[in-house]
Amino acid sequence: MNTITPRSRSPLRFFLLVFALTIPFWLLGAIVGYQILPGVPVSAFMFVCPVTAAVILVYRENKTEGVIALLKRSFDTSRIRAKIWYAPIILLPPVAGVLQFGLLCWTGTQLPIPRFPVVAVLAMSLAFFLAALGEESGWSGYIIDPMQDRWGALPAAIFLGLLWAIWHIVPLVQARRSPTWIAWWCLGTVAARILIVWLYNNTGKSVFAATAFHTMVNISWQLFPINGSYFEPRINGLMMAVAAAVVIGVWGPRALALRRNVRPLSS
């Protein structure tokens, strides 16, 4: 069997396939006005598209063996050798949410008291984890490595972040977000992708690490303070951008990681 390595993968082919697979979900969201959660339209089920595109392309590259290897990375916790990385993975998004909540209270904004019903939070966590896994199996598990190999970590993260943000614009419009809201949200999304690539590279290229952080971002938004009410994308976007700038300054733009934390693409 002629094995195709990650370096030879085509980002253009992958992104075109993802967007093509997404079109039916956008159309479904336009037809069905129902929202799964507040601010989450039916078109959000498009989270299956990145992993579907990755599976299709991996099967063409390396058949069933390649697909199994891709899916096994969903729970590659063994790659996270330095467990200290679980701190930013789990804590960074909720800490940003708490800071945003405090800042809005300080400016005099009247906010409802946060509620965290255990059963609902656990169910939401599972749902958001599966959704994040569907995305990150494609974004992190399939395409980010060849992009980094071509352009370096920071340009790859910014480019992927921009496409990631654009991919979400239709559902955001369907959720009746304003253009200004969407613009600030896109800033936070690009910055979040930089942070995801940083975590991915420093955890031995763990798809699970990227998925867990992605999950915490979505949970923190949905619980702010109740179903995302009063979520302020301008504040969140600026905080994420500052965090990304710190990461770039400390870890460097080329790899966003210490050399010893970056695994070869063949792994």
C-alpha atoms as a PDB file:
ATOM      1  CA  MET A   1       0.000   0.000   0.000  1.00  0.00           C
ATOM      2  CA  ASN A   2       1.310   3.479  -0.902  1.00  0.00           C
ATOM      3  CA  THR A   3       1.085   5.417   2.336  1.00  0.00           C
ATOM      4  CA  ILE A   4       0.400   9.142   1.987  1.00  0.00           C
ATOM      5  CA  THR A   5       2.023  11.201   4.731  1.00  0.00           C
ATOM      6  CA  PRO A   6       0.423  14.236   6.423  1.00  0.00           C
ATOM      7  CA  ARG A   7       2.883  16.544   4.644  1.00  0.00           C
ATOM      8  CA  SER A   8       1.355  15.738   1.269  1.00  0.00           C
ATOM      9  CA  ARG A   9      -2.238  16.503   2.301  1.00  0.00           C
ATOM     10  CA  SER A  10      -3.979  19.328   0.476  1.00  0.00           C
ATOM     11  CA  PRO A  11      -5.546  21.983   2.729  1.00  0.00           C
ATOM     12  CA  LEU A  12      -7.525  23.312  -0.244  1.00  0.00           C
ATOM     13  CA  ARG A  13      -9.083  19.909  -0.965  1.00  0.00           C
ATOM     14  CA  PHE A  14      -9.959  19.421   2.695  1.00  0.00           C
ATOM     15  CA  PHE A  15     -11.581  22.835   3.170  1.00  0.00           C
ATOM     16  CA  LEU A  16     -13.557  22.615  -0.063  1.00  0.00           C
ATOM     17  CA  LEU A  17     -14.902  19.242   1.029  1.00  0.00           C
ATOM     18  CA  VAL A  18     -15.790  20.539   4.513  1.00  0.00           C
ATOM     19  CA  PHE A  19     -17.717  23.496   3.097  1.00  0.00           C
ATOM     20  CA  ALA A  20     -19.441  21.320   0.493  1.00  0.00           C
ATOM     21  CA  LEU A  21     -20.577  18.884   3.182  1.00  0.00           C
ATOM     22  CA  THR A  22     -21.775  21.819   5.304  1.00  0.00           C
ATOM     23  CA  ILE A  23     -24.166  23.317   2.740  1.00  0.00           C
ATOM     24  CA  PRO A  24     -27.078  20.935   3.542  1.00  0.00           C
ATOM     25  CA  PHE A  25     -26.826  21.863   7.235  1.00  0.00           C
ATOM     26  CA  TRP A  26     -26.915  25.581   6.403  1.00  0.00           C
ATOM     27  CA  LEU A  27     -30.012  24.989   4.257  1.00  0.00           C
ATOM     28  CA  LEU A  28     -31.624  22.943   7.031  1.00  0.00           C
ATOM     29  CA  GLY A  29     -30.967  25.777   9.495  1.00  0.00           C
ATOM     30  CA  ALA A  30     -32.592  28.242   7.095  1.00  0.00           C
ATOM     31  CA  ILE A  31     -35.687  26.071   6.751  1.00  0.00           C
ATOM     32  CA  VAL A  32     -36.023  25.023  10.393  1.00  0.00           C
ATOM     33  CA  GLY A  33     -36.111  27.932  12.822  1.00  0.00           C
ATOM     34  CA  TYR A  34     -35.767  25.682  15.863  1.00  0.00           C
ATOM     35  CA  GLN A  35     -32.727  26.217  18.110  1.00  0.00           C
ATOM     36  CA  ILE A  36     -31.090  23.273  19.903  1.00  0.00           C
ATOM     37  CA  LEU A  37     -29.968  25.618  22.703  1.00  0.00           C
ATOM     38  CA  PRO A  38     -30.318  29.394  22.933  1.00  0.00           C
ATOM     39  CA  GLY A  39     -28.038  30.788  20.235  1.00  0.00           C
ATOM     40  CA  VAL A  40     -27.403  27.329  18.725  1.00  0.00           C
ATOM     41  CA  PRO A  41     -29.443  26.750  15.532  1.00  0.00           C
ATOM     42  CA  VAL A  42     -30.067  23.376  13.903  1.00  0.00           C
ATOM     43  CA  SER A  43     -27.259  24.083  11.430  1.00  0.00           C
ATOM     44  CA  ALA A  44     -24.831  23.598  14.339  1.00  0.00           C
ATOM     45  CA  PHE A  45     -25.034  19.874  13.547  1.00  0.00           C
ATOM     46  CA  MET A  46     -22.478  20.720  10.857  1.00  0.00           C
ATOM     47  CA  PHE A  47     -19.886  19.750  13.488  1.00  0.00           C
ATOM     48  CA  VAL A  48     -19.878  16.332  11.802  1.00  0.00           C
ATOM     49  CA  CYS A  49     -18.449  17.798   8.588  1.00  0.00           C
ATOM     50  CA  PRO A  50     -14.737  18.223   9.502  1.00  0.00           C
ATOM     51  CA  VAL A  51     -14.421  14.649  10.789  1.00  0.00           C
ATOM     52  CA  THR A  52     -16.435  13.333   7.821  1.00  0.00           C
ATOM     53  CA  ALA A  53     -14.163  15.141   5.373  1.00  0.00           C
ATOM     54  CA  ALA A  54     -11.092  13.856   7.204  1.00  0.00           C
ATOM     55  CA  VAL A  55     -12.381  10.267   7.170  1.00  0.00           C
ATOM     56  CA  ILE A  56     -13.165  10.430   3.436  1.00  0.00           C
ATOM     57  CA  LEU A  57      -9.734  11.805   2.559  1.00  0.00           C
ATOM     58  CA  VAL A  58      -7.844   9.512   4.937  1.00  0.00           C
ATOM     59  CA  TYR A  59      -9.641   6.510   3.477  1.00  0.00           C
ATOM     60  CA  ARG A  60      -8.573   7.579  -0.012  1.00  0.00           C
ATOM     61  CA  GLU A  61      -5.015   8.022   1.259  1.00  0.00           C
ATOM     62  CA  ASN A  62      -4.471   4.991   3.481  1.00  0.00           C
ATOM     63  CA  LYS A  63      -7.727   3.004   3.490  1.00  0.00           C
ATOM     64  CA  THR A  64      -9.203   1.542   6.680  1.00  0.00           C
ATOM     65  CA  GLU A  65      -5.874   1.508   8.504  1.00  0.00           C
ATOM     66  CA  GLY A  66      -5.584   5.276   8.129  1.00  0.00           C
ATOM     67  CA  VAL A  67      -9.157   5.888   9.301  1.00  0.00           C
ATOM     68  CA  ILE A  68      -8.604   3.766  12.418  1.00  0.00           C
ATOM     69  CA  ALA A  69      -5.409   5.689  13.197  1.00  0.00           C
ATOM     70  CA  LEU A  70      -7.241   9.003  12.780  1.00  0.00           C
ATOM     71  CA  LEU A  71     -10.138   8.009  15.042  1.00  0.00           C
ATOM     72  CA  LYS A  72      -7.799   6.580  17.695  1.00  0.00           C
ATOM     73  CA  ARG A  73      -6.382  10.061  18.180  1.00  0.00           C
ATOM     74  CA  SER A  74      -9.710  11.173  19.632  1.00  0.00           C
ATOM     75  CA  PHE A  75      -8.580   9.964  23.059  1.00  0.00           C
ATOM     76  CA  ASP A  76      -4.786  10.232  22.729  1.00  0.00           C
ATOM     77  CA  THR A  77      -4.330  11.337  26.354  1.00  0.00           C
ATOM     78  CA  SER A  78      -1.026   9.454  26.544  1.00  0.00           C
ATOM     79  CA  ARG A  79       0.510  12.197  24.404  1.00  0.00           C
ATOM     80  CA  ILE A  80      -0.065  14.712  27.216  1.00  0.00           C
ATOM     81  CA  ARG A  81       3.018  13.766  29.215  1.00  0.00           C
ATOM     82  CA  ALA A  82       3.264  16.987  31.226  1.00  0.00           C
ATOM     83  CA  LYS A  83      -0.052  16.946  33.094  1.00  0.00           C
ATOM     84  CA  ILE A  84       0.352  20.636  33.978  1.00  0.00           C
ATOM     85  CA  TRP A  85      -1.103  21.343  30.520  1.00  0.00           C
ATOM     86  CA  TYR A  86      -4.504  20.251  31.776  1.00  0.00           C
ATOM     87  CA  ALA A  87      -4.580  23.517  33.759  1.00  0.00           C
ATOM     88  CA  PRO A  88      -4.881  25.857  30.724  1.00  0.00           C
ATOM     89  CA  ILE A  89      -6.924  23.279  28.820  1.00  0.00           C
ATOM     90  CA  ILE A  90      -9.606  23.123  31.516  1.00  0.00           C
ATOM     91  CA  LEU A  91      -9.298  26.453  33.311  1.00  0.00           C
ATOM     92  CA  LEU A  92      -8.503  29.129  30.728  1.00  0.00           C
ATOM     93  CA  PRO A  93     -12.027  29.436  29.182  1.00  0.00           C
ATOM     94  CA  PRO A  94     -13.966  29.516  32.503  1.00  0.00           C
ATOM     95  CA  VAL A  95     -11.455  31.947  34.023  1.00  0.00           C
ATOM     96  CA  ALA A  96     -12.002  34.228  31.015  1.00  0.00           C
ATOM     97  CA  GLY A  97     -15.758  33.903  31.594  1.00  0.00           C
ATOM     98  CA  VAL A  98     -15.433  34.823  35.265  1.00  0.00           C
ATOM     99  CA  LEU A  99     -13.285  37.854  34.396  1.00  0.00           C
ATOM    100  CA  GLN A 100     -15.826  38.943  31.801  1.00  0.00           C
ATOM    101  CA  PHE A 101     -18.660  38.524  34.288  1.00  0.00           C
ATOM    102  CA  GLY A 102     -16.785  40.580  36.901  1.00  0.00           C
ATOM    103  CA  LEU A 103     -15.925  43.313  34.422  1.00  0.00           C
ATOM    104  CA  LEU A 104     -19.532  43.657  33.284  1.00  0.00           C
ATOM    105  CA  CYS A 105     -20.716  43.807  36.907  1.00  0.00           C
ATOM    106  CA  TRP A 106     -18.056  46.458  37.638  1.00  0.00           C
ATOM    107  CA  THR A 107     -19.353  48.590  34.740  1.00  0.00           C
ATOM    108  CA  GLY A 108     -22.867  48.446  36.193  1.00  0.00           C
ATOM    109  CA  THR A 109     -24.426  45.901  33.840  1.00  0.00           C
ATOM    110  CA  GLN A 110     -27.267  44.048  35.519  1.00  0.00           C
ATOM    111  CA  LEU A 111     -26.635  40.328  35.093  1.00  0.00           C
ATOM    112  CA  PRO A 112     -28.757  37.356  36.181  1.00  0.00           C
ATOM    113  CA  ILE A 113     -27.327  35.112  38.881  1.00  0.00           C
ATOM    114  CA  PRO A 114     -25.447  32.203  37.241  1.00  0.00           C
ATOM    115  CA  ARG A 115     -27.095  28.787  37.541  1.00  0.00           C
ATOM    116  CA  PHE A 116     -25.246  25.485  37.211  1.00  0.00           C
ATOM    117  CA  PRO A 117     -27.746  22.585  37.448  1.00  0.00           C
ATOM    118  CA  VAL A 118     -25.558  19.478  37.691  1.00  0.00           C
ATOM    119  CA  VAL A 119     -27.506  17.182  35.370  1.00  0.00           C
ATOM    120  CA  ALA A 120     -27.892  19.849  32.709  1.00  0.00           C
ATOM    121  CA  VAL A 121     -24.211  20.795  32.882  1.00  0.00           C
ATOM    122  CA  LEU A 122     -23.118  17.152  32.577  1.00  0.00           C
ATOM    123  CA  ALA A 123     -25.417  16.577  29.594  1.00  0.00           C
ATOM    124  CA  MET A 124     -24.218  19.795  27.989  1.00  0.00           C
ATOM    125  CA  SER A 125     -20.584  18.829  28.598  1.00  0.00           C
ATOM    126  CA  LEU A 126     -21.052  15.491  26.836  1.00  0.00           C
ATOM    127  CA  ALA A 127     -22.865  17.108  23.900  1.00  0.00           C
ATOM    128  CA  PHE A 128     -20.259  19.835  23.491  1.00  0.00           C
ATOM    129  CA  PHE A 129     -17.419  17.308  23.788  1.00  0.00           C
ATOM    130  CA  LEU A 130     -18.866  15.194  20.968  1.00  0.00           C
ATOM    131  CA  ALA A 131     -19.380  18.323  18.855  1.00  0.00           C
ATOM    132  CA  ALA A 132     -15.834  19.533  19.527  1.00  0.00           C
ATOM    133  CA  LEU A 133     -14.481  16.069  18.737  1.00  0.00           C
ATOM    134  CA  GLY A 134     -16.284  16.126  15.404  1.00  0.00           C
ATOM    135  CA  GLU A 135     -14.535  19.388  14.565  1.00  0.00           C
ATOM    136  CA  GLU A 136     -11.101  18.780  16.057  1.00  0.00           C
ATOM    137  CA  SER A 137     -10.708  15.353  14.442  1.00  0.00           C
ATOM    138  CA  GLY A 138     -10.629  17.357  11.217  1.00  0.00           C
ATOM    139  CA  TRP A 139      -9.042  20.676  12.226  1.00  0.00           C
ATOM    140  CA  SER A 140      -6.378  19.238  14.551  1.00  0.00           C
ATOM    141  CA  GLY A 141      -6.296  15.543  13.703  1.00  0.00           C
ATOM    142  CA  TYR A 142      -6.075  15.926   9.941  1.00  0.00           C
ATOM    143  CA  ILE A 143      -5.152  19.312   8.529  1.00  0.00           C
ATOM    144  CA  ILE A 144      -3.226  21.501  11.002  1.00  0.00           C
ATOM    145  CA  ASP A 145       0.021  19.527  10.723  1.00  0.00           C
ATOM    146  CA  PRO A 146       0.478  19.898   6.960  1.00  0.00           C
ATOM    147  CA  MET A 147      -0.453  23.569   7.312  1.00  0.00           C
ATOM    148  CA  GLN A 148       2.155  24.059  10.029  1.00  0.00           C
ATOM    149  CA  ASP A 149       4.738  22.217   7.979  1.00  0.00           C
ATOM    150  CA  ARG A 150       4.148  24.553   5.046  1.00  0.00           C
ATOM    151  CA  TRP A 151       3.794  27.915   6.798  1.00  0.00           C
ATOM    152  CA  GLY A 152       4.715  27.593  10.469  1.00  0.00           C
ATOM    153  CA  ALA A 153       2.454  27.379  13.484  1.00  0.00           C
ATOM    154  CA  LEU A 154       1.218  30.967  13.792  1.00  0.00           C
ATOM    155  CA  PRO A 155       0.314  31.584  10.114  1.00  0.00           C
ATOM    156  CA  ALA A 156      -1.343  28.152  10.004  1.00  0.00           C
ATOM    157  CA  ALA A 157      -3.322  28.870  13.187  1.00  0.00           C
ATOM    158  CA  ILE A 158      -4.455  32.292  11.910  1.00  0.00           C
ATOM    159  CA  PHE A 159      -5.478  30.924   8.508  1.00  0.00           C
ATOM    160  CA  LEU A 160      -7.342  27.984  10.043  1.00  0.00           C
ATOM    161  CA  GLY A 161      -8.915  30.340  12.602  1.00  0.00           C
ATOM    162  CA  LEU A 162     -10.193  32.635   9.849  1.00  0.00           C
ATOM    163  CA  LEU A 163     -11.719  29.743   7.918  1.00  0.00           C
ATOM    164  CA  TRP A 164     -13.151  28.348  11.149  1.00  0.00           C
ATOM    165  CA  ALA A 165     -14.795  31.713  11.856  1.00  0.00           C
ATOM    166  CA  ILE A 166     -16.135  32.061   8.291  1.00  0.00           C
ATOM    167  CA  TRP A 167     -17.545  28.521   8.504  1.00  0.00           C
ATOM    168  CA  HIS A 168     -19.629  29.616  11.522  1.00  0.00           C
ATOM    169  CA  ILE A 169     -21.018  32.842  10.052  1.00  0.00           C
ATOM    170  CA  VAL A 170     -24.160  31.287   8.514  1.00  0.00           C
ATOM    171  CA  PRO A 171     -25.266  29.668  11.819  1.00  0.00           C
ATOM    172  CA  LEU A 172     -24.531  32.928  13.640  1.00  0.00           C
ATOM    173  CA  VAL A 173     -26.747  34.826  11.208  1.00  0.00           C
ATOM    174  CA  GLN A 174     -29.419  32.154  11.671  1.00  0.00           C
ATOM    175  CA  ALA A 175     -29.099  32.720  15.441  1.00  0.00           C
ATOM    176  CA  ARG A 176     -29.889  36.410  14.728  1.00  0.00           C
ATOM    177  CA  ARG A 177     -26.520  37.788  15.760  1.00  0.00           C
ATOM    178  CA  SER A 178     -25.717  41.334  14.635  1.00  0.00           C
ATOM    179  CA  PRO A 179     -22.805  42.060  12.242  1.00  0.00           C
ATOM    180  CA  THR A 180     -20.899  43.774  15.073  1.00  0.00           C
ATOM    181  CA  TRP A 181     -21.458  40.808  17.392  1.00  0.00           C
ATOM    182  CA  ILE A 182     -20.206  38.437  14.686  1.00  0.00           C
ATOM    183  CA  ALA A 183     -17.128  40.545  13.947  1.00  0.00           C
ATOM    184  CA  TRP A 184     -15.991  40.559  17.579  1.00  0.00           C
ATOM    185  CA  TRP A 185     -16.833  36.863  17.884  1.00  0.00           C
ATOM    186  CA  CYS A 186     -14.607  36.167  14.879  1.00  0.00           C
ATOM    187  CA  LEU A 187     -11.694  37.931  16.586  1.00  0.00           C
ATOM    188  CA  GLY A 188     -12.133  35.717  19.633  1.00  0.00           C
ATOM    189  CA  THR A 189     -12.435  32.635  17.419  1.00  0.00           C
ATOM    190  CA  VAL A 190      -9.182  33.298  15.553  1.00  0.00           C
ATOM    191  CA  ALA A 191      -7.429  33.937  18.881  1.00  0.00           C
ATOM    192  CA  ALA A 192      -8.950  30.740  20.302  1.00  0.00           C
ATOM    193  CA  ARG A 193      -7.550  28.769  17.356  1.00  0.00           C
ATOM    194  CA  ILE A 194      -4.084  30.139  18.100  1.00  0.00           C
ATOM    195  CA  LEU A 195      -4.496  28.928  21.678  1.00  0.00           C
ATOM    196  CA  ILE A 196      -5.720  25.518  20.483  1.00  0.00           C
ATOM    197  CA  VAL A 197      -2.692  25.091  18.214  1.00  0.00           C
ATOM    198  CA  TRP A 198      -0.452  26.163  21.115  1.00  0.00           C
ATOM    199  CA  LEU A 199      -2.011  23.536  23.383  1.00  0.00           C
ATOM    200  CA  TYR A 200      -1.953  20.926  20.629  1.00  0.00           C
ATOM    201  CA  ASN A 201       1.743  21.435  19.918  1.00  0.00           C
ATOM    202  CA  ASN A 202       2.764  21.466  23.575  1.00  0.00           C
ATOM    203  CA  THR A 203       0.843  18.289  24.434  1.00  0.00           C
ATOM    204  CA  GLY A 204       2.583  16.054  21.922  1.00  0.00           C
ATOM    205  CA  LYS A 205       0.027  16.971  19.239  1.00  0.00           C
ATOM    206  CA  SER A 206      -2.918  15.646  21.221  1.00  0.00           C
ATOM    207  CA  VAL A 207      -6.296  15.862  19.509  1.00  0.00           C
ATOM    208  CA  PHE A 208      -7.887  15.179  22.888  1.00  0.00           C
ATOM    209  CA  ALA A 209      -6.227  18.318  24.316  1.00  0.00           C
ATOM    210  CA  ALA A 210      -7.593  20.430  21.447  1.00  0.00           C
ATOM    211  CA  THR A 211     -11.032  18.855  21.866  1.00  0.00           C
ATOM    212  CA  ALA A 212     -11.126  19.390  25.627  1.00  0.00           C
ATOM    213  CA  PHE A 213     -10.197  23.083  25.296  1.00  0.00           C
ATOM    214  CA  HIS A 214     -12.752  23.555  22.500  1.00  0.00           C
ATOM    215  CA  THR A 215     -15.358  21.919  24.749  1.00  0.00           C
ATOM    216  CA  MET A 216     -14.552  24.227  27.665  1.00  0.00           C
ATOM    217  CA  VAL A 217     -14.856  27.290  25.400  1.00  0.00           C
ATOM    218  CA  ASN A 218     -18.382  26.265  24.390  1.00  0.00           C
ATOM    219  CA  ILE A 219     -19.459  25.296  27.909  1.00  0.00           C
ATOM    220  CA  SER A 220     -18.146  28.574  29.344  1.00  0.00           C
ATOM    221  CA  TRP A 221     -20.088  30.546  26.735  1.00  0.00           C
ATOM    222  CA  GLN A 222     -23.324  28.604  27.268  1.00  0.00           C
ATOM    223  CA  LEU A 223     -23.117  29.061  31.058  1.00  0.00           C
ATOM    224  CA  PHE A 224     -22.456  32.812  30.845  1.00  0.00           C
ATOM    225  CA  PRO A 225     -24.335  33.351  33.003  1.00  0.00           C
ATOM    226  CA  ILE A 226     -27.398  31.436  31.746  1.00  0.00           C
ATOM    227  CA  ASN A 227     -27.511  30.041  28.202  1.00  0.00           C
ATOM    228  CA  GLY A 228     -25.037  32.629  26.985  1.00  0.00           C
ATOM    229  CA  SER A 229     -27.219  35.564  27.995  1.00  0.00           C
ATOM    230  CA  TYR A 230     -25.296  38.858  28.191  1.00  0.00           C
ATOM    231  CA  PHE A 231     -22.248  37.218  26.588  1.00  0.00           C
ATOM    232  CA  GLU A 232     -20.121  40.104  25.341  1.00  0.00           C
ATOM    233  CA  PRO A 233     -17.994  39.012  22.341  1.00  0.00           C
ATOM    234  CA  ARG A 234     -16.069  42.288  22.334  1.00  0.00           C
ATOM    235  CA  ILE A 235     -14.685  41.688  25.834  1.00  0.00           C
ATOM    236  CA  ASN A 236     -14.193  37.979  25.212  1.00  0.00           C
ATOM    237  CA  GLY A 237     -12.496  38.604  21.874  1.00  0.00           C
ATOM    238  CA  LEU A 238     -10.075  41.119  23.369  1.00  0.00           C
ATOM    239  CA  MET A 239      -9.241  38.810  26.285  1.00  0.00           C
ATOM    240  CA  MET A 240      -8.620  35.886  23.936  1.00  0.00           C
ATOM    241  CA  ALA A 241      -6.485  38.122  21.707  1.00  0.00           C
ATOM    242  CA  VAL A 242      -4.378  39.208  24.686  1.00  0.00           C
ATOM    243  CA  ALA A 243      -3.928  35.580  25.761  1.00  0.00           C
ATOM    244  CA  ALA A 244      -2.887  34.638  22.225  1.00  0.00           C
ATOM    245  CA  ALA A 245      -0.433  37.553  22.090  1.00  0.00           C
ATOM    246  CA  VAL A 246       1.170  36.397  25.350  1.00  0.00           C
ATOM    247  CA  VAL A 247       1.498  32.871  23.973  1.00  0.00           C
ATOM    248  CA  ILE A 248       3.104  34.162  20.762  1.00  0.00           C
ATOM    249  CA  GLY A 249       5.529  36.333  22.727  1.00  0.00           C
ATOM    250  CA  VAL A 250       6.595  33.602  25.148  1.00  0.00           C
ATOM    251  CA  TRP A 251       6.582  30.482  22.963  1.00  0.00           C
ATOM    252  CA  GLY A 252       7.423  32.088  19.628  1.00  0.00           C
ATOM    253  CA  PRO A 253       5.445  32.202  16.358  1.00  0.00           C
ATOM    254  CA  ARG A 254       7.295  29.480  14.466  1.00  0.00           C
ATOM    255  CA  ALA A 255       6.128  26.496  16.551  1.00  0.00           C
ATOM    256  CA  LEU A 256       4.088  28.055  19.407  1.00  0.00           C
ATOM    257  CA  ALA A 257       5.888  25.416  21.488  1.00  0.00           C
ATOM    258  CA  LEU A 258       9.180  24.360  22.952  1.00  0.00           C
ATOM    259  CA  ARG A 259      10.991  22.122  20.489  1.00  0.00           C
ATOM    260  CA  ARG A 260      10.875  19.105  22.811  1.00  0.00           C
ATOM    261  CA  ASN A 261       7.082  19.295  22.913  1.00  0.00           C
ATOM    262  CA  VAL A 262       6.596  19.017  19.138  1.00  0.00           C
ATOM    263  CA  ARG A 263       6.289  15.514  17.705  1.00  0.00           C
ATOM    264  CA  PRO A 264       7.199  14.658  14.118  1.00  0.00           C
ATOM    265  CA  LEU A 265       4.291  14.747  11.682  1.00  0.00           C
ATOM    266  CA  SER A 266       4.655  11.030  10.991  1.00  0.00           C
ATOM    267  CA  SER A 267       3.591  10.276  14.575  1.00  0.00           C
END
